Amino acid sequence: MPIQLKAGKWKKVGYWYGISPRTLRITVTTNQQCKWRRKTVWATTGSGSFVGQKDVKLWNSWVDVKSPVDTSCTTQFV
């Protein structure tokens, strides 16, 4: 199911709380550069930008995505 992203707004797209880390693949439907950030309760533990697709390691954290235009994204654990 696609997640709708509004232009310029951070949106939580996935999370993982467990004993071992997992990799979340994020795919956006725009060819513009998007930003991502991995967060825990206390701090941001990673961030960057990507075009099209990004794999992010999660362990007791979540990931937010921000797009410069209205678009949608899908996520899956790999």
N, C-alpha and C. Protein backbone atom coordinates (compact mmCIF):
# COMPACT_ATOMS: atom_id res chain seq x y z
N MET A 1 0.84 -1.18 0.00
CA MET A 1 0.00 0.00 0.00
C MET A 1 0.89 1.25 0.00
N PRO A 2 0.71 2.15 -0.95
CA PRO A 2 1.55 3.35 -1.05
C PRO A 2 1.30 4.32 0.11
N ILE A 3 2.34 4.99 0.52
CA ILE A 3 2.28 6.03 1.55
C ILE A 3 2.37 7.36 0.83
N GLN A 4 1.43 8.25 1.08
CA GLN A 4 1.41 9.56 0.42
C GLN A 4 2.35 10.52 1.14
N LEU A 5 3.21 11.18 0.37
CA LEU A 5 4.14 12.17 0.90
C LEU A 5 3.73 13.55 0.41
N LYS A 6 3.60 14.50 1.33
CA LYS A 6 3.29 15.88 0.96
C LYS A 6 4.59 16.65 0.81
N ALA A 7 4.62 17.56 -0.12
CA ALA A 7 5.83 18.33 -0.42
C ALA A 7 6.34 19.06 0.82
N GLY A 8 7.63 18.86 1.13
CA GLY A 8 8.28 19.59 2.21
C GLY A 8 7.95 19.13 3.61
N LYS A 9 7.23 18.02 3.80
CA LYS A 9 6.84 17.54 5.12
C LYS A 9 7.48 16.20 5.41
N TRP A 10 7.99 16.01 6.64
CA TRP A 10 8.52 14.72 7.05
C TRP A 10 7.36 13.76 7.30
N LYS A 11 7.53 12.51 6.88
CA LYS A 11 6.51 11.48 7.07
C LYS A 11 7.18 10.19 7.53
N LYS A 12 6.69 9.61 8.63
CA LYS A 12 7.22 8.33 9.09
C LYS A 12 6.76 7.24 8.12
N VAL A 13 7.71 6.50 7.55
CA VAL A 13 7.37 5.48 6.55
C VAL A 13 7.66 4.06 7.02
N GLY A 14 8.39 3.90 8.11
CA GLY A 14 8.66 2.56 8.60
C GLY A 14 9.36 2.58 9.94
N TYR A 15 9.26 1.45 10.66
CA TYR A 15 9.92 1.32 11.95
C TYR A 15 10.21 -0.14 12.23
N TRP A 16 11.14 -0.39 13.14
CA TRP A 16 11.45 -1.74 13.57
C TRP A 16 11.95 -1.70 15.01
N TYR A 17 11.28 -2.45 15.87
CA TYR A 17 11.67 -2.61 17.27
C TYR A 17 11.80 -4.10 17.52
N GLY A 18 13.02 -4.57 17.69
CA GLY A 18 13.24 -5.98 17.89
C GLY A 18 14.65 -6.26 18.36
N ILE A 19 14.96 -7.54 18.48
CA ILE A 19 16.26 -7.97 19.00
C ILE A 19 17.37 -7.75 17.99
N SER A 20 17.11 -8.00 16.72
CA SER A 20 18.15 -7.85 15.69
C SER A 20 17.73 -6.80 14.66
N PRO A 21 18.70 -6.16 13.99
CA PRO A 21 18.38 -5.12 13.00
C PRO A 21 17.75 -5.71 11.73
N ARG A 22 16.98 -4.88 11.02
CA ARG A 22 16.41 -5.25 9.73
C ARG A 22 16.65 -4.13 8.75
N THR A 23 16.61 -4.46 7.46
CA THR A 23 16.82 -3.47 6.41
C THR A 23 15.49 -3.16 5.75
N LEU A 24 15.15 -1.88 5.69
CA LEU A 24 13.93 -1.41 5.06
C LEU A 24 14.28 -0.76 3.73
N ARG A 25 13.65 -1.19 2.65
CA ARG A 25 13.85 -0.59 1.33
C ARG A 25 12.71 0.40 1.08
N ILE A 26 13.09 1.65 0.79
CA ILE A 26 12.14 2.73 0.51
C ILE A 26 12.23 3.05 -0.97
N THR A 27 11.09 3.06 -1.66
CA THR A 27 11.03 3.39 -3.08
C THR A 27 10.04 4.52 -3.28
N VAL A 28 10.49 5.65 -3.85
CA VAL A 28 9.61 6.78 -4.12
C VAL A 28 9.29 6.83 -5.62
N THR A 29 8.16 7.44 -5.94
CA THR A 29 7.70 7.48 -7.33
C THR A 29 8.05 8.78 -8.04
N THR A 30 9.03 9.50 -7.53
CA THR A 30 9.50 10.71 -8.18
C THR A 30 10.99 10.56 -8.50
N ASN A 31 11.45 11.30 -9.50
CA ASN A 31 12.88 11.26 -9.82
C ASN A 31 13.62 12.43 -9.19
N GLN A 32 12.97 13.13 -8.28
CA GLN A 32 13.60 14.24 -7.56
C GLN A 32 14.31 13.71 -6.31
N GLN A 33 15.28 14.46 -5.83
CA GLN A 33 16.04 14.05 -4.66
C GLN A 33 15.21 14.20 -3.39
N CYS A 34 15.07 13.11 -2.64
CA CYS A 34 14.34 13.10 -1.38
C CYS A 34 15.33 12.98 -0.23
N LYS A 35 14.88 13.34 0.97
CA LYS A 35 15.71 13.23 2.17
C LYS A 35 15.14 12.14 3.08
N TRP A 36 16.03 11.51 3.84
CA TRP A 36 15.62 10.52 4.83
C TRP A 36 16.35 10.79 6.13
N ARG A 37 15.74 10.34 7.24
CA ARG A 37 16.40 10.41 8.55
C ARG A 37 15.93 9.23 9.40
N ARG A 38 16.88 8.60 10.08
CA ARG A 38 16.58 7.51 11.00
C ARG A 38 16.62 8.09 12.40
N LYS A 39 15.58 7.79 13.19
CA LYS A 39 15.48 8.38 14.52
C LYS A 39 15.20 7.33 15.58
N THR A 40 15.67 7.62 16.79
CA THR A 40 15.29 6.88 17.97
C THR A 40 14.54 7.86 18.86
N VAL A 41 14.17 7.42 20.03
CA VAL A 41 13.46 8.29 20.96
C VAL A 41 14.31 9.50 21.33
N TRP A 42 15.64 9.32 21.41
CA TRP A 42 16.52 10.38 21.91
C TRP A 42 17.15 11.23 20.83
N ALA A 43 17.42 10.68 19.64
CA ALA A 43 18.21 11.45 18.68
C ALA A 43 18.06 10.92 17.26
N THR A 44 18.49 11.72 16.31
CA THR A 44 18.62 11.28 14.92
C THR A 44 19.91 10.48 14.81
N THR A 45 19.82 9.25 14.28
CA THR A 45 21.00 8.38 14.22
C THR A 45 21.52 8.18 12.81
N GLY A 46 20.91 8.82 11.84
CA GLY A 46 21.39 8.74 10.47
C GLY A 46 20.51 9.60 9.59
N SER A 47 21.09 10.11 8.51
CA SER A 47 20.31 10.92 7.57
C SER A 47 21.05 11.01 6.25
N GLY A 48 20.35 11.49 5.24
CA GLY A 48 20.96 11.65 3.93
C GLY A 48 19.91 11.94 2.89
N SER A 49 20.31 11.79 1.64
CA SER A 49 19.38 12.03 0.53
C SER A 49 19.51 10.88 -0.46
N PHE A 50 18.48 10.72 -1.29
CA PHE A 50 18.47 9.65 -2.28
C PHE A 50 17.52 10.00 -3.41
N VAL A 51 17.68 9.31 -4.52
CA VAL A 51 16.79 9.43 -5.67
C VAL A 51 16.28 8.03 -6.00
N GLY A 52 14.99 7.85 -6.02
CA GLY A 52 14.40 6.58 -6.43
C GLY A 52 14.26 5.54 -5.34
N GLN A 53 15.39 5.07 -4.78
CA GLN A 53 15.34 3.96 -3.84
C GLN A 53 16.45 4.08 -2.81
N LYS A 54 16.16 3.63 -1.58
CA LYS A 54 17.15 3.69 -0.49
C LYS A 54 16.92 2.53 0.46
N ASP A 55 17.99 1.86 0.88
CA ASP A 55 17.94 0.83 1.91
C ASP A 55 18.46 1.43 3.21
N VAL A 56 17.68 1.26 4.29
CA VAL A 56 18.03 1.82 5.59
C VAL A 56 17.98 0.71 6.63
N LYS A 57 19.05 0.58 7.43
CA LYS A 57 19.09 -0.39 8.54
C LYS A 57 18.32 0.19 9.72
N LEU A 58 17.40 -0.58 10.26
CA LEU A 58 16.62 -0.16 11.42
C LEU A 58 16.85 -1.11 12.58
N TRP A 59 17.01 -0.56 13.77
CA TRP A 59 17.08 -1.36 14.99
C TRP A 59 16.59 -0.46 16.12
N ASN A 60 15.40 -0.76 16.62
CA ASN A 60 14.75 0.05 17.65
C ASN A 60 14.70 1.52 17.23
N SER A 61 14.27 1.74 16.01
CA SER A 61 14.21 3.09 15.45
C SER A 61 13.16 3.16 14.34
N TRP A 62 12.95 4.36 13.82
CA TRP A 62 12.06 4.54 12.69
C TRP A 62 12.73 5.43 11.65
N VAL A 63 12.13 5.49 10.47
CA VAL A 63 12.69 6.31 9.40
C VAL A 63 11.61 7.24 8.85
N ASP A 64 12.00 8.51 8.64
CA ASP A 64 11.14 9.54 8.05
C ASP A 64 11.69 9.88 6.67
N VAL A 65 10.78 10.27 5.76
CA VAL A 65 11.17 10.69 4.42
C VAL A 65 10.50 12.03 4.13
N LYS A 66 11.24 12.91 3.41
CA LYS A 66 10.70 14.21 2.98
C LYS A 66 10.99 14.37 1.49
N SER A 67 9.96 14.70 0.73
CA SER A 67 10.08 14.89 -0.71
C SER A 67 9.84 16.36 -1.07
N PRO A 68 10.49 16.88 -2.11
CA PRO A 68 10.26 18.27 -2.51
C PRO A 68 8.94 18.46 -3.26
N VAL A 69 8.31 17.36 -3.69
CA VAL A 69 7.03 17.43 -4.42
C VAL A 69 6.07 16.41 -3.82
N ASP A 70 4.77 16.59 -4.05
CA ASP A 70 3.79 15.58 -3.64
C ASP A 70 4.05 14.30 -4.42
N THR A 71 4.18 13.19 -3.72
CA THR A 71 4.46 11.91 -4.35
C THR A 71 4.00 10.79 -3.42
N SER A 72 4.35 9.58 -3.75
CA SER A 72 4.05 8.45 -2.88
C SER A 72 5.29 7.56 -2.80
N CYS A 73 5.30 6.70 -1.78
CA CYS A 73 6.41 5.76 -1.65
C CYS A 73 5.88 4.42 -1.12
N THR A 74 6.66 3.39 -1.35
CA THR A 74 6.36 2.08 -0.82
C THR A 74 7.57 1.61 -0.02
N THR A 75 7.33 0.72 0.93
CA THR A 75 8.40 0.17 1.74
C THR A 75 8.26 -1.33 1.85
N GLN A 76 9.39 -2.00 2.02
CA GLN A 76 9.39 -3.44 2.29
C GLN A 76 10.68 -3.81 2.99
N PHE A 77 10.60 -4.79 3.88
CA PHE A 77 11.80 -5.31 4.52
C PHE A 77 12.48 -6.30 3.58
N VAL A 78 13.80 -6.17 3.46
CA VAL A 78 14.57 -7.06 2.59
C VAL A 78 15.61 -7.81 3.39
